[in-house]
Amino acid sequence: MKIARVEGEAVSTIKHATLDGQRLLMVQPLTPEGKDEGVPEIAVDTVGAGIGERVLVTQEGRAAEELTGHTNPPVRTLIVGIIDSIEAGGETVFAKNES
């Protein structure tokens, strides 16, 4: 799993049938301290995340199958949680109400 920030929404009028009704968001992977890490990705939103929120994403195939209810869905990245706070080294490095 990775930490990411929601940067925007991807709108697609035509998509694979298993993605009908699914919201697609662009996410920027982050370090625990909040620095950009890697390139942005498109993720299926399973939790109702909003733009600017820090989220927990997974790229495990089994999670995609379980959350979409389909075998071998065309999904690589899923948003599986909205992060309220992050602690590292005994210190709070991110708190939702402070951003």
PDB file of N, CA and C in Angstrom:
ATOM      1  N   MET A   1       0.837  -1.178   0.000  1.00  0.00           N
ATOM      2  CA  MET A   1       0.000   0.000   0.000  1.00  0.00           C
ATOM      3  C   MET A   1       0.879   1.237   0.000  1.00  0.00           C
ATOM      4  N   LYS A   2       0.316   2.317  -0.523  1.00  0.00           N
ATOM      5  CA  LYS A   2       1.024   3.582  -0.633  1.00  0.00           C
ATOM      6  C   LYS A   2       0.152   4.722  -0.114  1.00  0.00           C
ATOM      7  N   ILE A   3       0.827   5.816   0.203  1.00  0.00           N
ATOM      8  CA  ILE A   3       0.144   7.060   0.544  1.00  0.00           C
ATOM      9  C   ILE A   3       0.107   7.901  -0.724  1.00  0.00           C
ATOM     10  N   ALA A   4      -1.012   8.584  -0.972  1.00  0.00           N
ATOM     11  CA  ALA A   4      -1.122   9.447  -2.140  1.00  0.00           C
ATOM     12  C   ALA A   4      -2.032  10.628  -1.819  1.00  0.00           C
ATOM     13  N   ARG A   5      -1.981  11.638  -2.679  1.00  0.00           N
ATOM     14  CA  ARG A   5      -2.864  12.800  -2.564  1.00  0.00           C
ATOM     15  C   ARG A   5      -3.735  12.835  -3.818  1.00  0.00           C
ATOM     16  N   VAL A   6      -5.022  13.064  -3.641  1.00  0.00           N
ATOM     17  CA  VAL A   6      -5.934  13.151  -4.782  1.00  0.00           C
ATOM     18  C   VAL A   6      -5.718  14.502  -5.458  1.00  0.00           C
ATOM     19  N   GLU A   7      -5.384  14.440  -6.758  1.00  0.00           N
ATOM     20  CA  GLU A   7      -5.084  15.645  -7.529  1.00  0.00           C
ATOM     21  C   GLU A   7      -6.243  16.087  -8.409  1.00  0.00           C
ATOM     22  N   GLY A   8      -7.079  15.149  -8.838  1.00  0.00           N
ATOM     23  CA  GLY A   8      -8.171  15.505  -9.729  1.00  0.00           C
ATOM     24  C   GLY A   8      -8.993  14.293 -10.106  1.00  0.00           C
ATOM     25  N   GLU A   9      -9.951  14.523 -10.991  1.00  0.00           N
ATOM     26  CA  GLU A   9     -10.858  13.462 -11.420  1.00  0.00           C
ATOM     27  C   GLU A   9     -10.613  13.152 -12.892  1.00  0.00           C
ATOM     28  N   ALA A  10     -10.677  11.886 -13.251  1.00  0.00           N
ATOM     29  CA  ALA A  10     -10.575  11.462 -14.643  1.00  0.00           C
ATOM     30  C   ALA A  10     -11.974  11.079 -15.105  1.00  0.00           C
ATOM     31  N   VAL A  11     -12.453  11.718 -16.151  1.00  0.00           N
ATOM     32  CA  VAL A  11     -13.793  11.460 -16.659  1.00  0.00           C
ATOM     33  C   VAL A  11     -13.677  10.654 -17.943  1.00  0.00           C
ATOM     34  N   SER A  12     -14.416   9.552 -17.991  1.00  0.00           N
ATOM     35  CA  SER A  12     -14.400   8.676 -19.155  1.00  0.00           C
ATOM     36  C   SER A  12     -15.827   8.293 -19.508  1.00  0.00           C
ATOM     37  N   THR A  13     -16.262   8.657 -20.703  1.00  0.00           N
ATOM     38  CA  THR A  13     -17.627   8.323 -21.107  1.00  0.00           C
ATOM     39  C   THR A  13     -17.742   6.869 -21.551  1.00  0.00           C
ATOM     40  N   ILE A  14     -16.630   6.298 -22.016  1.00  0.00           N
ATOM     41  CA  ILE A  14     -16.620   4.899 -22.420  1.00  0.00           C
ATOM     42  C   ILE A  14     -15.514   4.205 -21.638  1.00  0.00           C
ATOM     43  N   LYS A  15     -15.876   3.136 -20.920  1.00  0.00           N
ATOM     44  CA  LYS A  15     -14.882   2.383 -20.153  1.00  0.00           C
ATOM     45  C   LYS A  15     -15.307   0.928 -20.033  1.00  0.00           C
ATOM     46  N   HIS A  16     -14.406   0.109 -19.563  1.00  0.00           N
ATOM     47  CA  HIS A  16     -14.672  -1.317 -19.397  1.00  0.00           C
ATOM     48  C   HIS A  16     -15.926  -1.504 -18.539  1.00  0.00           C
ATOM     49  N   ALA A  17     -16.717  -2.501 -18.856  1.00  0.00           N
ATOM     50  CA  ALA A  17     -17.997  -2.739 -18.168  1.00  0.00           C
ATOM     51  C   ALA A  17     -17.836  -2.889 -16.658  1.00  0.00           C
ATOM     52  N   THR A  18     -16.717  -3.462 -16.197  1.00  0.00           N
ATOM     53  CA  THR A  18     -16.530  -3.634 -14.750  1.00  0.00           C
ATOM     54  C   THR A  18     -16.301  -2.300 -14.038  1.00  0.00           C
ATOM     55  N   LEU A  19     -16.048  -1.238 -14.813  1.00  0.00           N
ATOM     56  CA  LEU A  19     -15.819   0.077 -14.206  1.00  0.00           C
ATOM     57  C   LEU A  19     -17.040   0.989 -14.281  1.00  0.00           C
ATOM     58  N   ASP A  20     -18.149   0.494 -14.835  1.00  0.00           N
ATOM     59  CA  ASP A  20     -19.368   1.306 -14.889  1.00  0.00           C
ATOM     60  C   ASP A  20     -19.773   1.727 -13.481  1.00  0.00           C
ATOM     61  N   GLY A  21     -20.033   2.998 -13.314  1.00  0.00           N
ATOM     62  CA  GLY A  21     -20.438   3.522 -12.015  1.00  0.00           C
ATOM     63  C   GLY A  21     -19.285   3.772 -11.058  1.00  0.00           C
ATOM     64  N   GLN A  22     -18.058   3.467 -11.471  1.00  0.00           N
ATOM     65  CA  GLN A  22     -16.889   3.683 -10.610  1.00  0.00           C
ATOM     66  C   GLN A  22     -16.290   5.056 -10.895  1.00  0.00           C
ATOM     67  N   ARG A  23     -15.903   5.752  -9.845  1.00  0.00           N
ATOM     68  CA  ARG A  23     -15.274   7.068  -9.966  1.00  0.00           C
ATOM     69  C   ARG A  23     -13.767   6.876 -10.120  1.00  0.00           C
ATOM     70  N   LEU A  24     -13.175   7.569 -11.087  1.00  0.00           N
ATOM     71  CA  LEU A  24     -11.743   7.487 -11.337  1.00  0.00           C
ATOM     72  C   LEU A  24     -11.077   8.794 -10.914  1.00  0.00           C
ATOM     73  N   LEU A  25     -10.048   8.693 -10.095  1.00  0.00           N
ATOM     74  CA  LEU A  25      -9.344   9.876  -9.610  1.00  0.00           C
ATOM     75  C   LEU A  25      -7.863   9.794  -9.933  1.00  0.00           C
ATOM     76  N   MET A  26      -7.240  10.946 -10.180  1.00  0.00           N
ATOM     77  CA  MET A  26      -5.801  11.002 -10.377  1.00  0.00           C
ATOM     78  C   MET A  26      -5.164  11.211  -9.006  1.00  0.00           C
ATOM     79  N   VAL A  27      -4.208  10.344  -8.663  1.00  0.00           N
ATOM     80  CA  VAL A  27      -3.538  10.440  -7.363  1.00  0.00           C
ATOM     81  C   VAL A  27      -2.035  10.582  -7.552  1.00  0.00           C
ATOM     82  N   GLN A  28      -1.420  11.383  -6.694  1.00  0.00           N
ATOM     83  CA  GLN A  28       0.024  11.574  -6.692  1.00  0.00           C
ATOM     84  C   GLN A  28       0.603  10.815  -5.510  1.00  0.00           C
ATOM     85  N   PRO A  29       1.417   9.769  -5.753  1.00  0.00           N
ATOM     86  CA  PRO A  29       2.054   9.057  -4.634  1.00  0.00           C
ATOM     87  C   PRO A  29       2.929  10.010  -3.810  1.00  0.00           C
ATOM     88  N   LEU A  30       2.949   9.784  -2.491  1.00  0.00           N
ATOM     89  CA  LEU A  30       3.683  10.642  -1.556  1.00  0.00           C
ATOM     90  C   LEU A  30       4.569   9.821  -0.629  1.00  0.00           C
ATOM     91  N   THR A  31       5.581  10.474  -0.073  1.00  0.00           N
ATOM     92  CA  THR A  31       6.323   9.898   1.037  1.00  0.00           C
ATOM     93  C   THR A  31       5.465  10.104   2.284  1.00  0.00           C
ATOM     94  N   PRO A  32       5.767   9.421   3.402  1.00  0.00           N
ATOM     95  CA  PRO A  32       4.987   9.661   4.629  1.00  0.00           C
ATOM     96  C   PRO A  32       5.027  11.126   5.081  1.00  0.00           C
ATOM     97  N   GLU A  33       6.103  11.829   4.726  1.00  0.00           N
ATOM     98  CA  GLU A  33       6.232  13.239   5.097  1.00  0.00           C
ATOM     99  C   GLU A  33       5.485  14.175   4.157  1.00  0.00           C
ATOM    100  N   GLY A  34       4.925  13.640   3.075  1.00  0.00           N
ATOM    101  CA  GLY A  34       4.112  14.445   2.176  1.00  0.00           C
ATOM    102  C   GLY A  34       4.807  14.954   0.927  1.00  0.00           C
ATOM    103  N   LYS A  35       5.999  14.483   0.635  1.00  0.00           N
ATOM    104  CA  LYS A  35       6.710  14.906  -0.575  1.00  0.00           C
ATOM    105  C   LYS A  35       6.295  14.000  -1.741  1.00  0.00           C
ATOM    106  N   ASP A  36       6.155  14.608  -2.941  1.00  0.00           N
ATOM    107  CA  ASP A  36       5.796  13.831  -4.126  1.00  0.00           C
ATOM    108  C   ASP A  36       6.821  12.733  -4.362  1.00  0.00           C
ATOM    109  N   GLU A  37       6.315  11.559  -4.750  1.00  0.00           N
ATOM    110  CA  GLU A  37       7.182  10.408  -4.992  1.00  0.00           C
ATOM    111  C   GLU A  37       6.643   9.653  -6.201  1.00  0.00           C
ATOM    112  N   GLY A  38       7.364   9.704  -7.305  1.00  0.00           N
ATOM    113  CA  GLY A  38       6.904   9.006  -8.500  1.00  0.00           C
ATOM    114  C   GLY A  38       5.957   9.850  -9.320  1.00  0.00           C
ATOM    115  N   VAL A  39       5.259   9.174 -10.223  1.00  0.00           N
ATOM    116  CA  VAL A  39       4.369   9.858 -11.160  1.00  0.00           C
ATOM    117  C   VAL A  39       2.902   9.644 -10.767  1.00  0.00           C
ATOM    118  N   PRO A  40       2.029  10.585 -11.135  1.00  0.00           N
ATOM    119  CA  PRO A  40       0.606  10.427 -10.834  1.00  0.00           C
ATOM    120  C   PRO A  40       0.026   9.190 -11.520  1.00  0.00           C
ATOM    121  N   GLU A  41      -1.030   8.642 -10.908  1.00  0.00           N
ATOM    122  CA  GLU A  41      -1.701   7.445 -11.420  1.00  0.00           C
ATOM    123  C   GLU A  41      -3.205   7.669 -11.378  1.00  0.00           C
ATOM    124  N   ILE A  42      -3.930   6.884 -12.159  1.00  0.00           N
ATOM    125  CA  ILE A  42      -5.387   6.894 -12.095  1.00  0.00           C
ATOM    126  C   ILE A  42      -5.801   5.745 -11.167  1.00  0.00           C
ATOM    127  N   ALA A  43      -6.702   6.041 -10.244  1.00  0.00           N
ATOM    128  CA  ALA A  43      -7.146   5.039  -9.267  1.00  0.00           C
ATOM    129  C   ALA A  43      -8.668   5.007  -9.214  1.00  0.00           C
ATOM    130  N   VAL A  44      -9.208   3.826  -8.931  1.00  0.00           N
ATOM    131  CA  VAL A  44     -10.644   3.678  -8.712  1.00  0.00           C
ATOM    132  C   VAL A  44     -10.918   4.059  -7.257  1.00  0.00           C
ATOM    133  N   ASP A  45     -11.846   4.982  -7.061  1.00  0.00           N
ATOM    134  CA  ASP A  45     -12.194   5.463  -5.721  1.00  0.00           C
ATOM    135  C   ASP A  45     -13.264   4.567  -5.114  1.00  0.00           C
ATOM    136  N   THR A  46     -12.907   3.859  -4.036  1.00  0.00           N
ATOM    137  CA  THR A  46     -13.883   2.982  -3.381  1.00  0.00           C
ATOM    138  C   THR A  46     -14.403   3.575  -2.070  1.00  0.00           C
ATOM    139  N   VAL A  47     -13.935   4.791  -1.707  1.00  0.00           N
ATOM    140  CA  VAL A  47     -14.279   5.345  -0.390  1.00  0.00           C
ATOM    141  C   VAL A  47     -14.870   6.756  -0.428  1.00  0.00           C
ATOM    142  N   GLY A  48     -15.009   7.365  -1.592  1.00  0.00           N
ATOM    143  CA  GLY A  48     -15.567   8.712  -1.670  1.00  0.00           C
ATOM    144  C   GLY A  48     -14.571   9.801  -1.331  1.00  0.00           C
ATOM    145  N   ALA A  49     -13.333   9.647  -1.773  1.00  0.00           N
ATOM    146  CA  ALA A  49     -12.283  10.630  -1.482  1.00  0.00           C
ATOM    147  C   ALA A  49     -12.512  11.915  -2.271  1.00  0.00           C
ATOM    148  N   GLY A  50     -11.990  13.011  -1.728  1.00  0.00           N
ATOM    149  CA  GLY A  50     -12.111  14.309  -2.376  1.00  0.00           C
ATOM    150  C   GLY A  50     -10.770  14.846  -2.820  1.00  0.00           C
ATOM    151  N   ILE A  51     -10.812  15.800  -3.712  1.00  0.00           N
ATOM    152  CA  ILE A  51      -9.589  16.415  -4.216  1.00  0.00           C
ATOM    153  C   ILE A  51      -8.844  17.080  -3.059  1.00  0.00           C
ATOM    154  N   GLY A  52      -7.530  16.834  -3.005  1.00  0.00           N
ATOM    155  CA  GLY A  52      -6.677  17.383  -1.959  1.00  0.00           C
ATOM    156  C   GLY A  52      -6.496  16.462  -0.765  1.00  0.00           C
ATOM    157  N   GLU A  53      -7.339  15.437  -0.640  1.00  0.00           N
ATOM    158  CA  GLU A  53      -7.216  14.525   0.505  1.00  0.00           C
ATOM    159  C   GLU A  53      -6.054  13.562   0.325  1.00  0.00           C
ATOM    160  N   ARG A  54      -5.463  13.184   1.448  1.00  0.00           N
ATOM    161  CA  ARG A  54      -4.458  12.118   1.427  1.00  0.00           C
ATOM    162  C   ARG A  54      -5.186  10.806   1.598  1.00  0.00           C
ATOM    163  N   VAL A  55      -4.785   9.838   0.781  1.00  0.00           N
ATOM    164  CA  VAL A  55      -5.486   8.564   0.740  1.00  0.00           C
ATOM    165  C   VAL A  55      -4.503   7.407   0.793  1.00  0.00           C
ATOM    166  N   LEU A  56      -5.035   6.253   1.106  1.00  0.00           N
ATOM    167  CA  LEU A  56      -4.275   5.013   1.098  1.00  0.00           C
ATOM    168  C   LEU A  56      -4.672   4.274  -0.170  1.00  0.00           C
ATOM    169  N   VAL A  57      -3.676   3.921  -0.996  1.00  0.00           N
ATOM    170  CA  VAL A  57      -3.960   3.203  -2.230  1.00  0.00           C
ATOM    171  C   VAL A  57      -3.281   1.840  -2.203  1.00  0.00           C
ATOM    172  N   THR A  58      -3.873   0.902  -2.920  1.00  0.00           N
ATOM    173  CA  THR A  58      -3.301  -0.427  -3.041  1.00  0.00           C
ATOM    174  C   THR A  58      -3.192  -0.784  -4.509  1.00  0.00           C
ATOM    175  N   GLN A  59      -2.200  -1.588  -4.823  1.00  0.00           N
ATOM    176  CA  GLN A  59      -2.023  -2.049  -6.195  1.00  0.00           C
ATOM    177  C   GLN A  59      -2.000  -3.571  -6.244  1.00  0.00           C
ATOM    178  N   GLU A  60      -2.629  -4.187  -5.272  1.00  0.00           N
ATOM    179  CA  GLU A  60      -2.685  -5.644  -5.211  1.00  0.00           C
ATOM    180  C   GLU A  60      -3.863  -6.144  -6.030  1.00  0.00           C
ATOM    181  N   GLY A  61      -3.614  -7.095  -6.917  1.00  0.00           N
ATOM    182  CA  GLY A  61      -4.666  -7.627  -7.775  1.00  0.00           C
ATOM    183  C   GLY A  61      -5.835  -8.213  -7.016  1.00  0.00           C
ATOM    184  N   ARG A  62      -5.568  -8.918  -5.928  1.00  0.00           N
ATOM    185  CA  ARG A  62      -6.635  -9.561  -5.152  1.00  0.00           C
ATOM    186  C   ARG A  62      -7.586  -8.521  -4.567  1.00  0.00           C
ATOM    187  N   ALA A  63      -7.054  -7.399  -4.103  1.00  0.00           N
ATOM    188  CA  ALA A  63      -7.900  -6.337  -3.544  1.00  0.00           C
ATOM    189  C   ALA A  63      -8.843  -5.791  -4.614  1.00  0.00           C
ATOM    190  N   ALA A  64      -8.345  -5.627  -5.832  1.00  0.00           N
ATOM    191  CA  ALA A  64      -9.191  -5.138  -6.921  1.00  0.00           C
ATOM    192  C   ALA A  64     -10.332  -6.107  -7.190  1.00  0.00           C
ATOM    193  N   GLU A  65     -10.039  -7.395  -7.164  1.00  0.00           N
ATOM    194  CA  GLU A  65     -11.085  -8.394  -7.385  1.00  0.00           C
ATOM    195  C   GLU A  65     -12.137  -8.339  -6.288  1.00  0.00           C
ATOM    196  N   GLU A  66     -11.700  -8.251  -5.041  1.00  0.00           N
ATOM    197  CA  GLU A  66     -12.641  -8.257  -3.924  1.00  0.00           C
ATOM    198  C   GLU A  66     -13.495  -6.996  -3.887  1.00  0.00           C
ATOM    199  N   LEU A  67     -12.887  -5.828  -4.132  1.00  0.00           N
ATOM    200  CA  LEU A  67     -13.628  -4.576  -4.022  1.00  0.00           C
ATOM    201  C   LEU A  67     -14.520  -4.289  -5.220  1.00  0.00           C
ATOM    202  N   THR A  68     -14.162  -4.807  -6.402  1.00  0.00           N
ATOM    203  CA  THR A  68     -15.012  -4.587  -7.575  1.00  0.00           C
ATOM    204  C   THR A  68     -16.004  -5.722  -7.783  1.00  0.00           C
ATOM    205  N   GLY A  69     -15.726  -6.882  -7.174  1.00  0.00           N
ATOM    206  CA  GLY A  69     -16.616  -8.022  -7.325  1.00  0.00           C
ATOM    207  C   GLY A  69     -16.448  -8.759  -8.644  1.00  0.00           C
ATOM    208  N   HIS A  70     -15.352  -8.490  -9.356  1.00  0.00           N
ATOM    209  CA  HIS A  70     -15.103  -9.125 -10.642  1.00  0.00           C
ATOM    210  C   HIS A  70     -13.755  -9.836 -10.630  1.00  0.00           C
ATOM    211  N   THR A  71     -13.661 -10.940 -11.355  1.00  0.00           N
ATOM    212  CA  THR A  71     -12.396 -11.642 -11.510  1.00  0.00           C
ATOM    213  C   THR A  71     -11.570 -10.938 -12.578  1.00  0.00           C
ATOM    214  N   ASN A  72     -10.319 -10.675 -12.284  1.00  0.00           N
ATOM    215  CA  ASN A  72      -9.388 -10.003 -13.213  1.00  0.00           C
ATOM    216  C   ASN A  72      -9.929  -8.692 -13.781  1.00  0.00           C
ATOM    217  N   PRO A  73     -10.351  -7.749 -12.919  1.00  0.00           N
ATOM    218  CA  PRO A  73     -10.827  -6.470 -13.446  1.00  0.00           C
ATOM    219  C   PRO A  73      -9.654  -5.675 -14.028  1.00  0.00           C
ATOM    220  N   PRO A  74      -9.921  -4.769 -14.962  1.00  0.00           N
ATOM    221  CA  PRO A  74      -8.855  -3.976 -15.564  1.00  0.00           C
ATOM    222  C   PRO A  74      -8.453  -2.812 -14.656  1.00  0.00           C
ATOM    223  N   VAL A  75      -8.103  -3.128 -13.429  1.00  0.00           N
ATOM    224  CA  VAL A  75      -7.803  -2.119 -12.416  1.00  0.00           C
ATOM    225  C   VAL A  75      -6.445  -2.414 -11.818  1.00  0.00           C
ATOM    226  N   ARG A  76      -5.621  -1.399 -11.720  1.00  0.00           N
ATOM    227  CA  ARG A  76      -4.316  -1.578 -11.091  1.00  0.00           C
ATOM    228  C   ARG A  76      -4.264  -0.911  -9.730  1.00  0.00           C
ATOM    229  N   THR A  77      -4.868   0.262  -9.602  1.00  0.00           N
ATOM    230  CA  THR A  77      -4.757   1.038  -8.372  1.00  0.00           C
ATOM    231  C   THR A  77      -6.147   1.345  -7.815  1.00  0.00           C
ATOM    232  N   LEU A  78      -6.327   1.095  -6.509  1.00  0.00           N
ATOM    233  CA  LEU A  78      -7.587   1.376  -5.816  1.00  0.00           C
ATOM    234  C   LEU A  78      -7.339   2.289  -4.627  1.00  0.00           C
ATOM    235  N   ILE A  79      -8.228   3.240  -4.412  1.00  0.00           N
ATOM    236  CA  ILE A  79      -8.201   4.036  -3.187  1.00  0.00           C
ATOM    237  C   ILE A  79      -9.009   3.258  -2.165  1.00  0.00           C
ATOM    238  N   VAL A  80      -8.359   2.886  -1.049  1.00  0.00           N
ATOM    239  CA  VAL A  80      -9.028   2.037  -0.060  1.00  0.00           C
ATOM    240  C   VAL A  80      -9.204   2.716   1.297  1.00  0.00           C
ATOM    241  N   GLY A  81      -8.727   3.952   1.442  1.00  0.00           N
ATOM    242  CA  GLY A  81      -8.897   4.648   2.708  1.00  0.00           C
ATOM    243  C   GLY A  81      -8.557   6.123   2.593  1.00  0.00           C
ATOM    244  N   ILE A  82      -9.165   6.932   3.452  1.00  0.00           N
ATOM    245  CA  ILE A  82      -8.842   8.355   3.567  1.00  0.00           C
ATOM    246  C   ILE A  82      -8.045   8.518   4.850  1.00  0.00           C
ATOM    247  N   ILE A  83      -6.885   9.148   4.746  1.00  0.00           N
ATOM    248  CA  ILE A  83      -5.966   9.258   5.882  1.00  0.00           C
ATOM    249  C   ILE A  83      -6.309  10.470   6.742  1.00  0.00           C
ATOM    250  N   ASP A  84      -6.457  10.244   8.058  1.00  0.00           N
ATOM    251  CA  ASP A  84      -6.710  11.325   9.002  1.00  0.00           C
ATOM    252  C   ASP A  84      -5.410  11.871   9.577  1.00  0.00           C
ATOM    253  N   SER A  85      -4.449  10.979   9.839  1.00  0.00           N
ATOM    254  CA  SER A  85      -3.150  11.433  10.357  1.00  0.00           C
ATOM    255  C   SER A  85      -2.093  10.373  10.079  1.00  0.00           C
ATOM    256  N   ILE A  86      -0.835  10.824  10.082  1.00  0.00           N
ATOM    257  CA  ILE A  86       0.305   9.937   9.884  1.00  0.00           C
ATOM    258  C   ILE A  86       1.334  10.248  10.955  1.00  0.00           C
ATOM    259  N   GLU A  87       1.818   9.211  11.627  1.00  0.00           N
ATOM    260  CA  GLU A  87       2.887   9.354  12.610  1.00  0.00           C
ATOM    261  C   GLU A  87       4.100   8.599  12.115  1.00  0.00           C
ATOM    262  N   ALA A  88       5.270   9.214  12.227  1.00  0.00           N
ATOM    263  CA  ALA A  88       6.528   8.568  11.844  1.00  0.00           C
ATOM    264  C   ALA A  88       7.585   8.976  12.864  1.00  0.00           C
ATOM    265  N   GLY A  89       8.312   8.005  13.355  1.00  0.00           N
ATOM    266  CA  GLY A  89       9.358   8.290  14.330  1.00  0.00           C
ATOM    267  C   GLY A  89       8.825   8.918  15.609  1.00  0.00           C
ATOM    268  N   GLY A  90       7.608   8.571  15.973  1.00  0.00           N
ATOM    269  CA  GLY A  90       7.020   9.095  17.197  1.00  0.00           C
ATOM    270  C   GLY A  90       6.456  10.505  17.073  1.00  0.00           C
ATOM    271  N   GLU A  91       6.488  11.083  15.867  1.00  0.00           N
ATOM    272  CA  GLU A  91       5.958  12.430  15.656  1.00  0.00           C
ATOM    273  C   GLU A  91       4.835  12.398  14.623  1.00  0.00           C
ATOM    274  N   THR A  92       3.870  13.280  14.784  1.00  0.00           N
ATOM    275  CA  THR A  92       2.810  13.415  13.795  1.00  0.00           C
ATOM    276  C   THR A  92       3.361  14.228  12.634  1.00  0.00           C
ATOM    277  N   VAL A  93       3.415  13.604  11.453  1.00  0.00           N
ATOM    278  CA  VAL A  93       3.934  14.304  10.275  1.00  0.00           C
ATOM    279  C   VAL A  93       2.805  14.825   9.382  1.00  0.00           C
ATOM    280  N   PHE A  94       1.585  14.351   9.639  1.00  0.00           N
ATOM    281  CA  PHE A  94       0.419  14.838   8.921  1.00  0.00           C
ATOM    282  C   PHE A  94      -0.815  14.653   9.787  1.00  0.00           C
ATOM    283  N   ALA A  95      -1.643  15.683   9.840  1.00  0.00           N
ATOM    284  CA  ALA A  95      -2.941  15.596  10.496  1.00  0.00           C
ATOM    285  C   ALA A  95      -3.942  16.305   9.605  1.00  0.00           C
ATOM    286  N   LYS A  96      -5.021  15.645   9.269  1.00  0.00           N
ATOM    287  CA  LYS A  96      -6.007  16.149   8.329  1.00  0.00           C
ATOM    288  C   LYS A  96      -6.522  17.550   8.675  1.00  0.00           C
ATOM    289  N   ASN A  97      -6.758  17.803   9.932  1.00  0.00           N
ATOM    290  CA  ASN A  97      -7.302  19.102  10.349  1.00  0.00           C
ATOM    291  C   ASN A  97      -6.273  20.211  10.310  1.00  0.00           C
ATOM    292  N   GLU A  98      -5.001  19.891  10.054  1.00  0.00           N
ATOM    293  CA  GLU A  98      -3.958  20.919   9.992  1.00  0.00           C
ATOM    294  C   GLU A  98      -3.604  21.299   8.571  1.00  0.00           C
ATOM    295  N   SER A  99      -4.193  20.622   7.572  1.00  0.00           N
ATOM    296  CA  SER A  99      -3.846  20.909   6.174  1.00  0.00           C
ATOM    297  C   SER A  99      -4.906  21.716   5.497  1.00  0.00           C
TER     298      SER A  99
END
